[in-house]
Amino acid sequence: MRRLLGKISGFLSNRTTVGVDKTGNKYFTRNEEVDGIMKEKRWVIFKGEEDPTSIPVEWICWLNGQRKKAPTPEEMMELEARRECVRQNVALLKKEEERIAKEGSKGKRVSTGKVSGPDLKSFIQQFPVPSEGKEVGESPSAMDGLRNPQDGLAEKEKDESESSEPTGSGASFRPGTWQPPT
């Protein structure tokens, strides 16, 4: 019991107040020896209800040891001003989006400056379809703009039967069975 009371009294008398945040939470530190090594312990005492979400990010970083020095009041004021500026910009953007949505629903056409994509069919027709080992020439499927998938499969099977090179094993592949060519 005496040990416990000694720790509690040491806990209360040995602490140093580091700072206070805007919600009134107080932050403390103390140095204590753990396994022969001096370590700095950091903690927070909440004002009112214990709500971890009320701790600002800068203080969380300090508590976790990601910051060596505690945030200063000047730094906290600057960061809060920056956050307020971001909130105002977000509010302005939301108002602008609502205005654009209202104009769009009234039948007005709002130009966003975007252009539709290219005509792929006419683009593909510009190029002849080469096949392996054969001379490039116009094929009837190239004139249609897009190749018929079944024609491609038949052509592939034909090419595979003529080829002496090994092909992929596909569905019959088993991990650990591949051997490099010799």
N, C-alpha and C. Protein backbone atom coordinates (compact mmCIF):
# COMPACT_ATOMS: atom_id res chain seq x y z
N MET A 1 0.83 -1.18 0.00
CA MET A 1 0.00 0.00 0.00
C MET A 1 0.88 1.25 0.00
N ARG A 2 1.95 1.17 0.77
CA ARG A 2 2.85 2.32 0.88
C ARG A 2 3.50 2.62 -0.48
N ARG A 3 3.82 1.55 -1.22
CA ARG A 3 4.41 1.71 -2.54
C ARG A 3 3.46 2.43 -3.49
N LEU A 4 2.19 2.01 -3.43
CA LEU A 4 1.18 2.62 -4.29
C LEU A 4 1.00 4.09 -3.97
N LEU A 5 0.94 4.42 -2.71
CA LEU A 5 0.81 5.83 -2.32
C LEU A 5 2.05 6.63 -2.72
N GLY A 6 3.22 6.01 -2.65
CA GLY A 6 4.45 6.67 -3.07
C GLY A 6 4.44 6.98 -4.56
N LYS A 7 3.93 6.03 -5.35
CA LYS A 7 3.85 6.26 -6.79
C LYS A 7 2.85 7.37 -7.11
N ILE A 8 1.73 7.36 -6.43
CA ILE A 8 0.70 8.39 -6.68
C ILE A 8 1.22 9.77 -6.29
N SER A 9 1.87 9.89 -5.16
CA SER A 9 2.40 11.19 -4.74
C SER A 9 3.53 11.64 -5.67
N GLY A 10 4.35 10.70 -6.11
CA GLY A 10 5.41 11.02 -7.07
C GLY A 10 4.83 11.43 -8.41
N PHE A 11 3.75 10.79 -8.78
CA PHE A 11 3.07 11.11 -10.04
C PHE A 11 2.55 12.54 -10.03
N LEU A 12 1.98 12.93 -8.92
CA LEU A 12 1.40 14.26 -8.83
C LEU A 12 2.44 15.35 -8.62
N SER A 13 3.49 15.07 -7.87
CA SER A 13 4.47 16.11 -7.56
C SER A 13 5.55 16.24 -8.63
N ASN A 14 5.78 15.22 -9.39
CA ASN A 14 6.87 15.20 -10.35
C ASN A 14 6.48 15.67 -11.74
N ARG A 15 5.24 16.01 -11.95
CA ARG A 15 4.79 16.34 -13.30
C ARG A 15 5.03 17.80 -13.62
N THR A 16 5.21 18.04 -14.92
CA THR A 16 5.42 19.40 -15.41
C THR A 16 4.33 19.71 -16.42
N THR A 17 3.65 20.85 -16.24
CA THR A 17 2.62 21.25 -17.19
C THR A 17 3.32 21.77 -18.44
N VAL A 18 2.93 21.22 -19.60
CA VAL A 18 3.55 21.60 -20.87
C VAL A 18 2.70 22.60 -21.60
N GLY A 19 1.37 22.43 -21.54
CA GLY A 19 0.51 23.36 -22.25
C GLY A 19 -0.96 23.02 -22.09
N VAL A 20 -1.79 23.89 -22.68
CA VAL A 20 -3.24 23.74 -22.64
C VAL A 20 -3.74 24.00 -24.05
N ASP A 21 -4.71 23.20 -24.52
CA ASP A 21 -5.27 23.46 -25.85
C ASP A 21 -6.52 24.33 -25.74
N LYS A 22 -7.15 24.62 -26.88
CA LYS A 22 -8.28 25.56 -26.89
C LYS A 22 -9.51 25.02 -26.17
N THR A 23 -9.62 23.69 -26.00
CA THR A 23 -10.78 23.14 -25.29
C THR A 23 -10.53 23.03 -23.78
N GLY A 24 -9.31 23.34 -23.34
CA GLY A 24 -9.01 23.32 -21.92
C GLY A 24 -8.31 22.05 -21.45
N ASN A 25 -8.03 21.13 -22.34
CA ASN A 25 -7.28 19.92 -21.96
C ASN A 25 -5.86 20.33 -21.59
N LYS A 26 -5.34 19.73 -20.51
CA LYS A 26 -4.00 20.07 -20.03
C LYS A 26 -3.05 18.92 -20.33
N TYR A 27 -1.83 19.27 -20.75
CA TYR A 27 -0.84 18.29 -21.15
C TYR A 27 0.34 18.35 -20.20
N PHE A 28 0.80 17.14 -19.78
CA PHE A 28 1.85 17.04 -18.78
C PHE A 28 2.96 16.11 -19.24
N THR A 29 4.10 16.26 -18.58
CA THR A 29 5.23 15.37 -18.83
C THR A 29 5.99 15.16 -17.52
N ARG A 30 6.70 14.06 -17.46
CA ARG A 30 7.62 13.81 -16.35
C ARG A 30 8.64 12.80 -16.80
N ASN A 31 9.80 12.87 -16.22
CA ASN A 31 10.87 11.92 -16.52
C ASN A 31 10.87 10.86 -15.43
N GLU A 32 10.91 9.60 -15.87
CA GLU A 32 10.97 8.52 -14.89
C GLU A 32 11.91 7.45 -15.42
N GLU A 33 12.46 6.71 -14.48
CA GLU A 33 13.41 5.67 -14.82
C GLU A 33 12.67 4.35 -15.03
N VAL A 34 12.87 3.76 -16.22
CA VAL A 34 12.26 2.48 -16.54
C VAL A 34 13.39 1.55 -16.98
N ASP A 35 13.61 0.49 -16.24
CA ASP A 35 14.67 -0.48 -16.53
C ASP A 35 16.03 0.19 -16.65
N GLY A 36 16.31 1.14 -15.80
CA GLY A 36 17.61 1.82 -15.78
C GLY A 36 17.76 2.90 -16.84
N ILE A 37 16.71 3.15 -17.62
CA ILE A 37 16.76 4.18 -18.66
C ILE A 37 15.76 5.27 -18.32
N MET A 38 16.22 6.52 -18.43
CA MET A 38 15.31 7.65 -18.17
C MET A 38 14.40 7.84 -19.39
N LYS A 39 13.11 7.82 -19.15
CA LYS A 39 12.13 8.00 -20.22
C LYS A 39 11.21 9.15 -19.87
N GLU A 40 10.77 9.85 -20.90
CA GLU A 40 9.81 10.94 -20.70
C GLU A 40 8.40 10.39 -20.91
N LYS A 41 7.57 10.56 -19.93
CA LYS A 41 6.17 10.14 -20.02
C LYS A 41 5.32 11.37 -20.30
N ARG A 42 4.39 11.24 -21.25
CA ARG A 42 3.51 12.35 -21.63
C ARG A 42 2.07 11.89 -21.50
N TRP A 43 1.20 12.79 -21.03
CA TRP A 43 -0.21 12.46 -20.92
C TRP A 43 -1.06 13.71 -20.92
N VAL A 44 -2.36 13.49 -21.04
CA VAL A 44 -3.33 14.58 -21.08
C VAL A 44 -4.35 14.36 -19.98
N ILE A 45 -4.80 15.46 -19.40
CA ILE A 45 -5.93 15.42 -18.46
C ILE A 45 -7.03 16.26 -19.12
N PHE A 46 -8.14 15.59 -19.41
CA PHE A 46 -9.24 16.24 -20.12
C PHE A 46 -9.99 17.19 -19.21
N LYS A 47 -10.48 18.25 -19.81
CA LYS A 47 -11.35 19.16 -19.07
C LYS A 47 -12.77 18.68 -19.34
N GLY A 48 -13.45 18.29 -18.29
CA GLY A 48 -14.81 17.77 -18.45
C GLY A 48 -14.78 16.32 -18.90
N GLU A 49 -15.61 16.02 -19.88
CA GLU A 49 -15.77 14.65 -20.36
C GLU A 49 -14.53 14.19 -21.13
N GLU A 50 -14.10 12.94 -20.90
CA GLU A 50 -12.94 12.40 -21.61
C GLU A 50 -13.33 12.09 -23.04
N ASP A 51 -12.93 12.96 -23.95
CA ASP A 51 -13.24 12.81 -25.36
C ASP A 51 -11.94 12.90 -26.16
N PRO A 52 -11.37 11.76 -26.56
CA PRO A 52 -10.10 11.78 -27.30
C PRO A 52 -10.19 12.53 -28.62
N THR A 53 -11.40 12.68 -29.18
CA THR A 53 -11.53 13.40 -30.44
C THR A 53 -11.37 14.90 -30.26
N SER A 54 -11.36 15.35 -29.02
CA SER A 54 -11.22 16.79 -28.77
C SER A 54 -9.74 17.21 -28.76
N ILE A 55 -8.83 16.26 -28.89
CA ILE A 55 -7.40 16.58 -28.87
C ILE A 55 -6.97 17.00 -30.27
N PRO A 56 -6.35 18.18 -30.42
CA PRO A 56 -5.86 18.61 -31.73
C PRO A 56 -4.73 17.70 -32.23
N VAL A 57 -4.57 17.64 -33.53
CA VAL A 57 -3.59 16.76 -34.17
C VAL A 57 -2.18 17.05 -33.65
N GLU A 58 -1.84 18.30 -33.49
CA GLU A 58 -0.49 18.66 -33.04
C GLU A 58 -0.19 18.09 -31.66
N TRP A 59 -1.19 18.11 -30.78
CA TRP A 59 -0.99 17.55 -29.45
C TRP A 59 -0.94 16.03 -29.50
N ILE A 60 -1.71 15.41 -30.39
CA ILE A 60 -1.65 13.96 -30.54
C ILE A 60 -0.24 13.55 -30.96
N CYS A 61 0.32 14.28 -31.91
CA CYS A 61 1.69 13.98 -32.37
C CYS A 61 2.68 14.12 -31.22
N TRP A 62 2.50 15.13 -30.38
CA TRP A 62 3.40 15.31 -29.24
C TRP A 62 3.23 14.17 -28.24
N LEU A 63 1.99 13.79 -27.96
CA LEU A 63 1.75 12.70 -27.00
C LEU A 63 2.36 11.39 -27.48
N ASN A 64 2.31 11.14 -28.79
CA ASN A 64 2.84 9.89 -29.35
C ASN A 64 4.35 9.92 -29.55
N GLY A 65 4.98 11.06 -29.30
CA GLY A 65 6.42 11.17 -29.46
C GLY A 65 6.85 11.48 -30.89
N GLN A 66 5.91 11.83 -31.76
CA GLN A 66 6.26 12.19 -33.13
C GLN A 66 6.82 13.60 -33.21
N ARG A 67 6.55 14.38 -32.19
CA ARG A 67 7.13 15.72 -32.06
C ARG A 67 7.96 15.75 -30.80
N LYS A 68 9.12 16.40 -30.87
CA LYS A 68 9.95 16.51 -29.67
C LYS A 68 9.45 17.63 -28.77
N LYS A 69 9.02 18.75 -29.40
CA LYS A 69 8.56 19.89 -28.62
C LYS A 69 7.05 20.02 -28.73
N ALA A 70 6.46 20.44 -27.63
CA ALA A 70 5.01 20.65 -27.62
C ALA A 70 4.65 21.86 -28.49
N PRO A 71 3.47 21.85 -29.09
CA PRO A 71 3.07 22.99 -29.91
C PRO A 71 2.92 24.25 -29.06
N THR A 72 3.35 25.36 -29.62
CA THR A 72 3.25 26.64 -28.92
C THR A 72 1.87 27.26 -29.18
N PRO A 73 1.43 28.17 -28.31
CA PRO A 73 0.14 28.84 -28.55
C PRO A 73 0.13 29.59 -29.88
N GLU A 74 1.25 30.20 -30.27
CA GLU A 74 1.31 30.93 -31.54
C GLU A 74 1.11 29.97 -32.71
N GLU A 75 1.79 28.80 -32.64
CA GLU A 75 1.64 27.79 -33.69
C GLU A 75 0.20 27.30 -33.77
N MET A 76 -0.42 27.07 -32.63
CA MET A 76 -1.80 26.61 -32.60
C MET A 76 -2.75 27.63 -33.21
N MET A 77 -2.51 28.94 -32.92
CA MET A 77 -3.36 30.00 -33.49
C MET A 77 -3.19 30.06 -35.00
N GLU A 78 -1.96 29.92 -35.49
CA GLU A 78 -1.69 29.96 -36.93
C GLU A 78 -2.36 28.78 -37.64
N LEU A 79 -2.26 27.61 -37.05
CA LEU A 79 -2.87 26.43 -37.65
C LEU A 79 -4.39 26.51 -37.63
N GLU A 80 -4.94 27.07 -36.58
CA GLU A 80 -6.40 27.24 -36.50
C GLU A 80 -6.88 28.23 -37.54
N ALA A 81 -6.12 29.30 -37.78
CA ALA A 81 -6.47 30.27 -38.82
C ALA A 81 -6.43 29.61 -40.19
N ARG A 82 -5.43 28.78 -40.41
CA ARG A 82 -5.32 28.07 -41.68
C ARG A 82 -6.50 27.12 -41.88
N ARG A 83 -6.88 26.41 -40.83
CA ARG A 83 -8.03 25.50 -40.92
C ARG A 83 -9.32 26.25 -41.21
N GLU A 84 -9.47 27.41 -40.59
CA GLU A 84 -10.67 28.23 -40.82
C GLU A 84 -10.71 28.70 -42.28
N CYS A 85 -9.58 29.05 -42.83
CA CYS A 85 -9.51 29.46 -44.23
C CYS A 85 -9.93 28.30 -45.15
N VAL A 86 -9.49 27.11 -44.83
CA VAL A 86 -9.87 25.93 -45.62
C VAL A 86 -11.38 25.69 -45.51
N ARG A 87 -11.95 25.85 -44.30
CA ARG A 87 -13.40 25.68 -44.12
C ARG A 87 -14.17 26.67 -44.98
N GLN A 88 -13.70 27.91 -45.03
CA GLN A 88 -14.37 28.93 -45.84
C GLN A 88 -14.28 28.58 -47.32
N ASN A 89 -13.12 28.11 -47.77
CA ASN A 89 -12.97 27.72 -49.17
C ASN A 89 -13.88 26.56 -49.53
N VAL A 90 -14.02 25.60 -48.63
CA VAL A 90 -14.92 24.47 -48.87
C VAL A 90 -16.36 24.95 -48.97
N ALA A 91 -16.75 25.87 -48.09
CA ALA A 91 -18.12 26.41 -48.13
C ALA A 91 -18.36 27.13 -49.46
N LEU A 92 -17.39 27.92 -49.93
CA LEU A 92 -17.53 28.61 -51.21
C LEU A 92 -17.66 27.62 -52.37
N LEU A 93 -16.87 26.56 -52.34
CA LEU A 93 -16.95 25.55 -53.39
C LEU A 93 -18.30 24.85 -53.40
N LYS A 94 -18.84 24.55 -52.21
CA LYS A 94 -20.16 23.91 -52.13
C LYS A 94 -21.23 24.83 -52.69
N LYS A 95 -21.16 26.12 -52.37
CA LYS A 95 -22.14 27.07 -52.91
C LYS A 95 -22.04 27.13 -54.43
N GLU A 96 -20.82 27.14 -54.95
CA GLU A 96 -20.62 27.18 -56.40
C GLU A 96 -21.17 25.93 -57.07
N GLU A 97 -20.94 24.76 -56.47
CA GLU A 97 -21.47 23.52 -57.01
C GLU A 97 -22.99 23.52 -57.01
N GLU A 98 -23.60 24.03 -55.94
CA GLU A 98 -25.06 24.12 -55.87
C GLU A 98 -25.60 25.06 -56.95
N ARG A 99 -24.92 26.18 -57.16
CA ARG A 99 -25.34 27.13 -58.18
C ARG A 99 -25.28 26.50 -59.57
N ILE A 100 -24.21 25.78 -59.84
CA ILE A 100 -24.05 25.13 -61.14
C ILE A 100 -25.12 24.05 -61.32
N ALA A 101 -25.40 23.31 -60.25
CA ALA A 101 -26.43 22.27 -60.33
C ALA A 101 -27.79 22.87 -60.60
N LYS A 102 -28.10 24.02 -59.96
CA LYS A 102 -29.39 24.68 -60.19
C LYS A 102 -29.49 25.17 -61.62
N GLU A 103 -28.43 25.75 -62.16
CA GLU A 103 -28.44 26.23 -63.54
C GLU A 103 -28.61 25.07 -64.50
N GLY A 104 -27.98 23.96 -64.21
CA GLY A 104 -28.09 22.78 -65.07
C GLY A 104 -29.50 22.21 -65.06
N SER A 105 -30.19 22.28 -63.91
CA SER A 105 -31.54 21.73 -63.82
C SER A 105 -32.57 22.65 -64.48
N LYS A 106 -32.23 23.93 -64.68
CA LYS A 106 -33.15 24.86 -65.33
C LYS A 106 -33.08 24.76 -66.85
N GLY A 107 -32.21 23.90 -67.35
CA GLY A 107 -32.13 23.72 -68.79
C GLY A 107 -31.01 24.50 -69.42
N LYS A 108 -30.33 25.32 -68.66
CA LYS A 108 -29.19 26.06 -69.20
C LYS A 108 -28.04 25.09 -69.37
N ARG A 109 -27.34 25.24 -70.48
CA ARG A 109 -26.20 24.37 -70.72
C ARG A 109 -24.94 25.12 -70.30
N VAL A 110 -24.22 24.55 -69.34
CA VAL A 110 -23.01 25.17 -68.84
C VAL A 110 -21.83 24.45 -69.47
N SER A 111 -20.98 25.18 -70.16
CA SER A 111 -19.82 24.58 -70.80
C SER A 111 -18.71 24.44 -69.78
N THR A 112 -18.21 23.22 -69.65
CA THR A 112 -17.12 22.98 -68.72
C THR A 112 -15.77 22.99 -69.42
N GLY A 113 -15.80 23.17 -70.74
CA GLY A 113 -14.55 23.20 -71.48
C GLY A 113 -14.05 21.81 -71.85
N LYS A 114 -14.81 20.78 -71.48
CA LYS A 114 -14.41 19.41 -71.80
C LYS A 114 -14.93 19.06 -73.18
N VAL A 115 -14.15 18.30 -73.90
CA VAL A 115 -14.51 17.86 -75.24
C VAL A 115 -14.67 16.35 -75.20
N SER A 116 -15.61 15.83 -76.02
CA SER A 116 -15.79 14.38 -76.03
C SER A 116 -14.55 13.72 -76.60
N GLY A 117 -14.40 12.43 -76.34
CA GLY A 117 -13.23 11.68 -76.76
C GLY A 117 -13.16 11.51 -78.27
N PRO A 118 -12.06 10.98 -78.76
CA PRO A 118 -11.88 10.80 -80.21
C PRO A 118 -12.77 9.70 -80.74
N ASP A 119 -13.02 9.75 -82.04
CA ASP A 119 -13.79 8.72 -82.71
C ASP A 119 -12.86 7.54 -82.97
N LEU A 120 -12.96 6.50 -82.15
CA LEU A 120 -12.02 5.38 -82.22
C LEU A 120 -12.18 4.58 -83.51
N LYS A 121 -13.40 4.48 -84.03
CA LYS A 121 -13.63 3.69 -85.24
C LYS A 121 -12.85 4.28 -86.41
N SER A 122 -12.93 5.60 -86.59
CA SER A 122 -12.20 6.22 -87.69
C SER A 122 -10.69 6.17 -87.43
N PHE A 123 -10.29 6.20 -86.18
CA PHE A 123 -8.88 6.13 -85.85
C PHE A 123 -8.31 4.76 -86.22
N ILE A 124 -9.04 3.70 -85.89
CA ILE A 124 -8.57 2.34 -86.16
C ILE A 124 -8.51 2.08 -87.66
N GLN A 125 -9.42 2.65 -88.44
CA GLN A 125 -9.43 2.43 -89.88
C GLN A 125 -8.19 2.99 -90.55
N GLN A 126 -7.48 3.87 -89.91
CA GLN A 126 -6.29 4.47 -90.50
C GLN A 126 -5.13 3.48 -90.59
N PHE A 127 -5.16 2.42 -89.81
CA PHE A 127 -4.03 1.51 -89.74
C PHE A 127 -4.39 0.14 -90.28
N PRO A 128 -3.50 -0.45 -91.12
CA PRO A 128 -3.75 -1.83 -91.56
C PRO A 128 -3.48 -2.77 -90.40
N VAL A 129 -4.09 -3.94 -90.41
CA VAL A 129 -3.94 -4.90 -89.33
C VAL A 129 -2.86 -5.90 -89.74
N PRO A 130 -1.64 -5.80 -89.15
CA PRO A 130 -0.59 -6.74 -89.51
C PRO A 130 -0.79 -8.06 -88.79
N SER A 131 -0.39 -9.14 -89.42
CA SER A 131 -0.41 -10.44 -88.75
C SER A 131 1.00 -10.98 -88.78
N GLU A 132 1.36 -11.84 -87.84
CA GLU A 132 2.73 -12.31 -87.70
C GLU A 132 3.19 -13.08 -88.92
N GLY A 133 4.37 -12.77 -89.43
CA GLY A 133 4.97 -13.51 -90.52
C GLY A 133 4.35 -13.25 -91.87
N LYS A 134 3.40 -12.35 -91.96
CA LYS A 134 2.74 -12.07 -93.22
C LYS A 134 2.95 -10.62 -93.60
N GLU A 135 2.81 -10.34 -94.85
CA GLU A 135 2.99 -8.98 -95.34
C GLU A 135 1.79 -8.15 -94.93
N VAL A 136 2.05 -6.87 -94.61
CA VAL A 136 0.99 -5.99 -94.20
C VAL A 136 0.17 -5.60 -95.42
N GLY A 137 -1.11 -5.79 -95.30
CA GLY A 137 -2.00 -5.41 -96.39
C GLY A 137 -3.36 -5.10 -95.83
N GLU A 138 -4.24 -4.63 -96.70
CA GLU A 138 -5.58 -4.30 -96.22
C GLU A 138 -6.37 -5.57 -96.05
N SER A 139 -6.96 -5.73 -94.90
CA SER A 139 -7.84 -6.87 -94.68
C SER A 139 -9.26 -6.35 -94.58
N PRO A 140 -10.24 -7.15 -94.95
CA PRO A 140 -11.62 -6.68 -94.90
C PRO A 140 -12.04 -6.28 -93.49
N SER A 141 -11.49 -6.94 -92.47
CA SER A 141 -11.90 -6.59 -91.11
C SER A 141 -11.36 -5.22 -90.71
N ALA A 142 -10.25 -4.78 -91.30
CA ALA A 142 -9.72 -3.46 -90.98
C ALA A 142 -10.63 -2.38 -91.53
N MET A 143 -11.31 -2.67 -92.62
CA MET A 143 -12.22 -1.69 -93.20
C MET A 143 -13.46 -1.52 -92.35
N ASP A 144 -13.83 -2.55 -91.62
CA ASP A 144 -15.01 -2.46 -90.76
C ASP A 144 -14.73 -1.62 -89.52
N GLY A 145 -13.50 -1.36 -89.26
CA GLY A 145 -13.16 -0.53 -88.11
C GLY A 145 -12.72 -1.36 -86.93
N LEU A 146 -13.41 -2.43 -86.63
CA LEU A 146 -13.06 -3.27 -85.51
C LEU A 146 -13.01 -4.71 -85.98
N ARG A 147 -12.14 -5.50 -85.41
CA ARG A 147 -12.00 -6.90 -85.82
C ARG A 147 -13.10 -7.73 -85.17
N ASN A 148 -13.51 -8.74 -85.86
CA ASN A 148 -14.46 -9.69 -85.33
C ASN A 148 -13.70 -10.60 -84.36
N PRO A 149 -14.14 -10.76 -83.13
CA PRO A 149 -13.39 -11.56 -82.17
C PRO A 149 -13.23 -13.02 -82.59
N GLN A 150 -14.23 -13.58 -83.26
CA GLN A 150 -14.13 -14.97 -83.67
C GLN A 150 -13.09 -15.14 -84.76
N ASP A 151 -12.98 -14.16 -85.68
CA ASP A 151 -11.95 -14.21 -86.71
C ASP A 151 -10.57 -14.22 -86.06
N GLY A 152 -10.42 -13.40 -85.04
CA GLY A 152 -9.14 -13.31 -84.34
C GLY A 152 -8.78 -14.63 -83.68
N LEU A 153 -9.77 -15.32 -83.09
CA LEU A 153 -9.51 -16.60 -82.44
C LEU A 153 -9.10 -17.65 -83.46
N ALA A 154 -9.78 -17.69 -84.60
CA ALA A 154 -9.45 -18.66 -85.64
C ALA A 154 -8.05 -18.40 -86.17
N GLU A 155 -7.71 -17.13 -86.36
CA GLU A 155 -6.39 -16.77 -86.86
C GLU A 155 -5.31 -17.15 -85.85
N LYS A 156 -5.61 -16.95 -84.56
CA LYS A 156 -4.65 -17.27 -83.51
C LYS A 156 -4.39 -18.78 -83.47
N GLU A 157 -5.47 -19.57 -83.57
CA GLU A 157 -5.32 -21.02 -83.56
C GLU A 157 -4.49 -21.48 -84.75
N LYS A 158 -4.72 -20.87 -85.89
CA LYS A 158 -3.98 -21.21 -87.10
C LYS A 158 -2.50 -20.90 -86.91
N ASP A 159 -2.19 -19.70 -86.35
CA ASP A 159 -0.81 -19.30 -86.11
C ASP A 159 -0.14 -20.24 -85.10
N GLU A 160 -0.88 -20.65 -84.06
CA GLU A 160 -0.31 -21.51 -83.04
C GLU A 160 0.06 -22.88 -83.61
N SER A 161 -0.77 -23.40 -84.52
CA SER A 161 -0.48 -24.72 -85.06
C SER A 161 0.76 -24.67 -85.96
N GLU A 162 1.03 -23.53 -86.60
CA GLU A 162 2.19 -23.39 -87.48
C GLU A 162 3.47 -23.11 -86.69
N SER A 163 3.35 -22.57 -85.50
CA SER A 163 4.51 -22.16 -84.73
C SER A 163 5.16 -23.34 -84.03
N SER A 164 6.50 -23.34 -83.97
CA SER A 164 7.22 -24.38 -83.25
C SER A 164 7.62 -23.93 -81.86
N GLU A 165 7.34 -22.65 -81.55
CA GLU A 165 7.68 -22.11 -80.24
C GLU A 165 6.69 -22.60 -79.19
N PRO A 166 7.14 -22.81 -77.95
CA PRO A 166 6.21 -23.22 -76.89
C PRO A 166 5.25 -22.09 -76.56
N THR A 167 4.08 -22.43 -76.12
CA THR A 167 3.07 -21.44 -75.76
C THR A 167 2.78 -21.55 -74.27
N GLY A 168 1.98 -20.63 -73.75
CA GLY A 168 1.63 -20.63 -72.34
C GLY A 168 0.79 -21.85 -71.99
N SER A 169 0.84 -22.25 -70.74
CA SER A 169 0.11 -23.43 -70.31
C SER A 169 -1.30 -23.09 -69.86
N GLY A 170 -1.61 -21.79 -69.65
CA GLY A 170 -2.98 -21.37 -69.33
C GLY A 170 -3.54 -22.07 -68.11
N ALA A 171 -4.70 -22.74 -68.31
CA ALA A 171 -5.43 -23.34 -67.20
C ALA A 171 -4.71 -24.55 -66.61
N SER A 172 -3.80 -25.18 -67.38
CA SER A 172 -3.13 -26.38 -66.87
C SER A 172 -1.88 -26.06 -66.04
N PHE A 173 -1.58 -24.77 -65.85
CA PHE A 173 -0.38 -24.38 -65.09
C PHE A 173 -0.51 -24.78 -63.63
N ARG A 174 0.56 -25.36 -63.09
CA ARG A 174 0.61 -25.69 -61.66
C ARG A 174 1.80 -24.97 -61.06
N PRO A 175 1.63 -24.22 -59.96
CA PRO A 175 2.74 -23.52 -59.34
C PRO A 175 3.85 -24.48 -58.94
N GLY A 176 5.08 -24.04 -59.16
CA GLY A 176 6.23 -24.84 -58.75
C GLY A 176 6.68 -25.84 -59.81
N THR A 177 6.00 -25.92 -60.96
CA THR A 177 6.36 -26.90 -61.97
C THR A 177 7.15 -26.30 -63.12
N TRP A 178 7.27 -25.00 -63.18
CA TRP A 178 7.94 -24.36 -64.32
C TRP A 178 9.43 -24.61 -64.25
N GLN A 179 10.01 -24.96 -65.37
CA GLN A 179 11.45 -25.16 -65.48
C GLN A 179 11.96 -24.25 -66.60
N PRO A 180 13.10 -23.61 -66.42
CA PRO A 180 13.61 -22.75 -67.48
C PRO A 180 14.01 -23.59 -68.69
N PRO A 181 13.92 -23.01 -69.90
CA PRO A 181 14.30 -23.76 -71.09
C PRO A 181 15.79 -24.09 -71.06
N THR A 182 16.14 -25.26 -71.59
CA THR A 182 17.55 -25.68 -71.60
C THR A 182 18.13 -25.62 -72.98
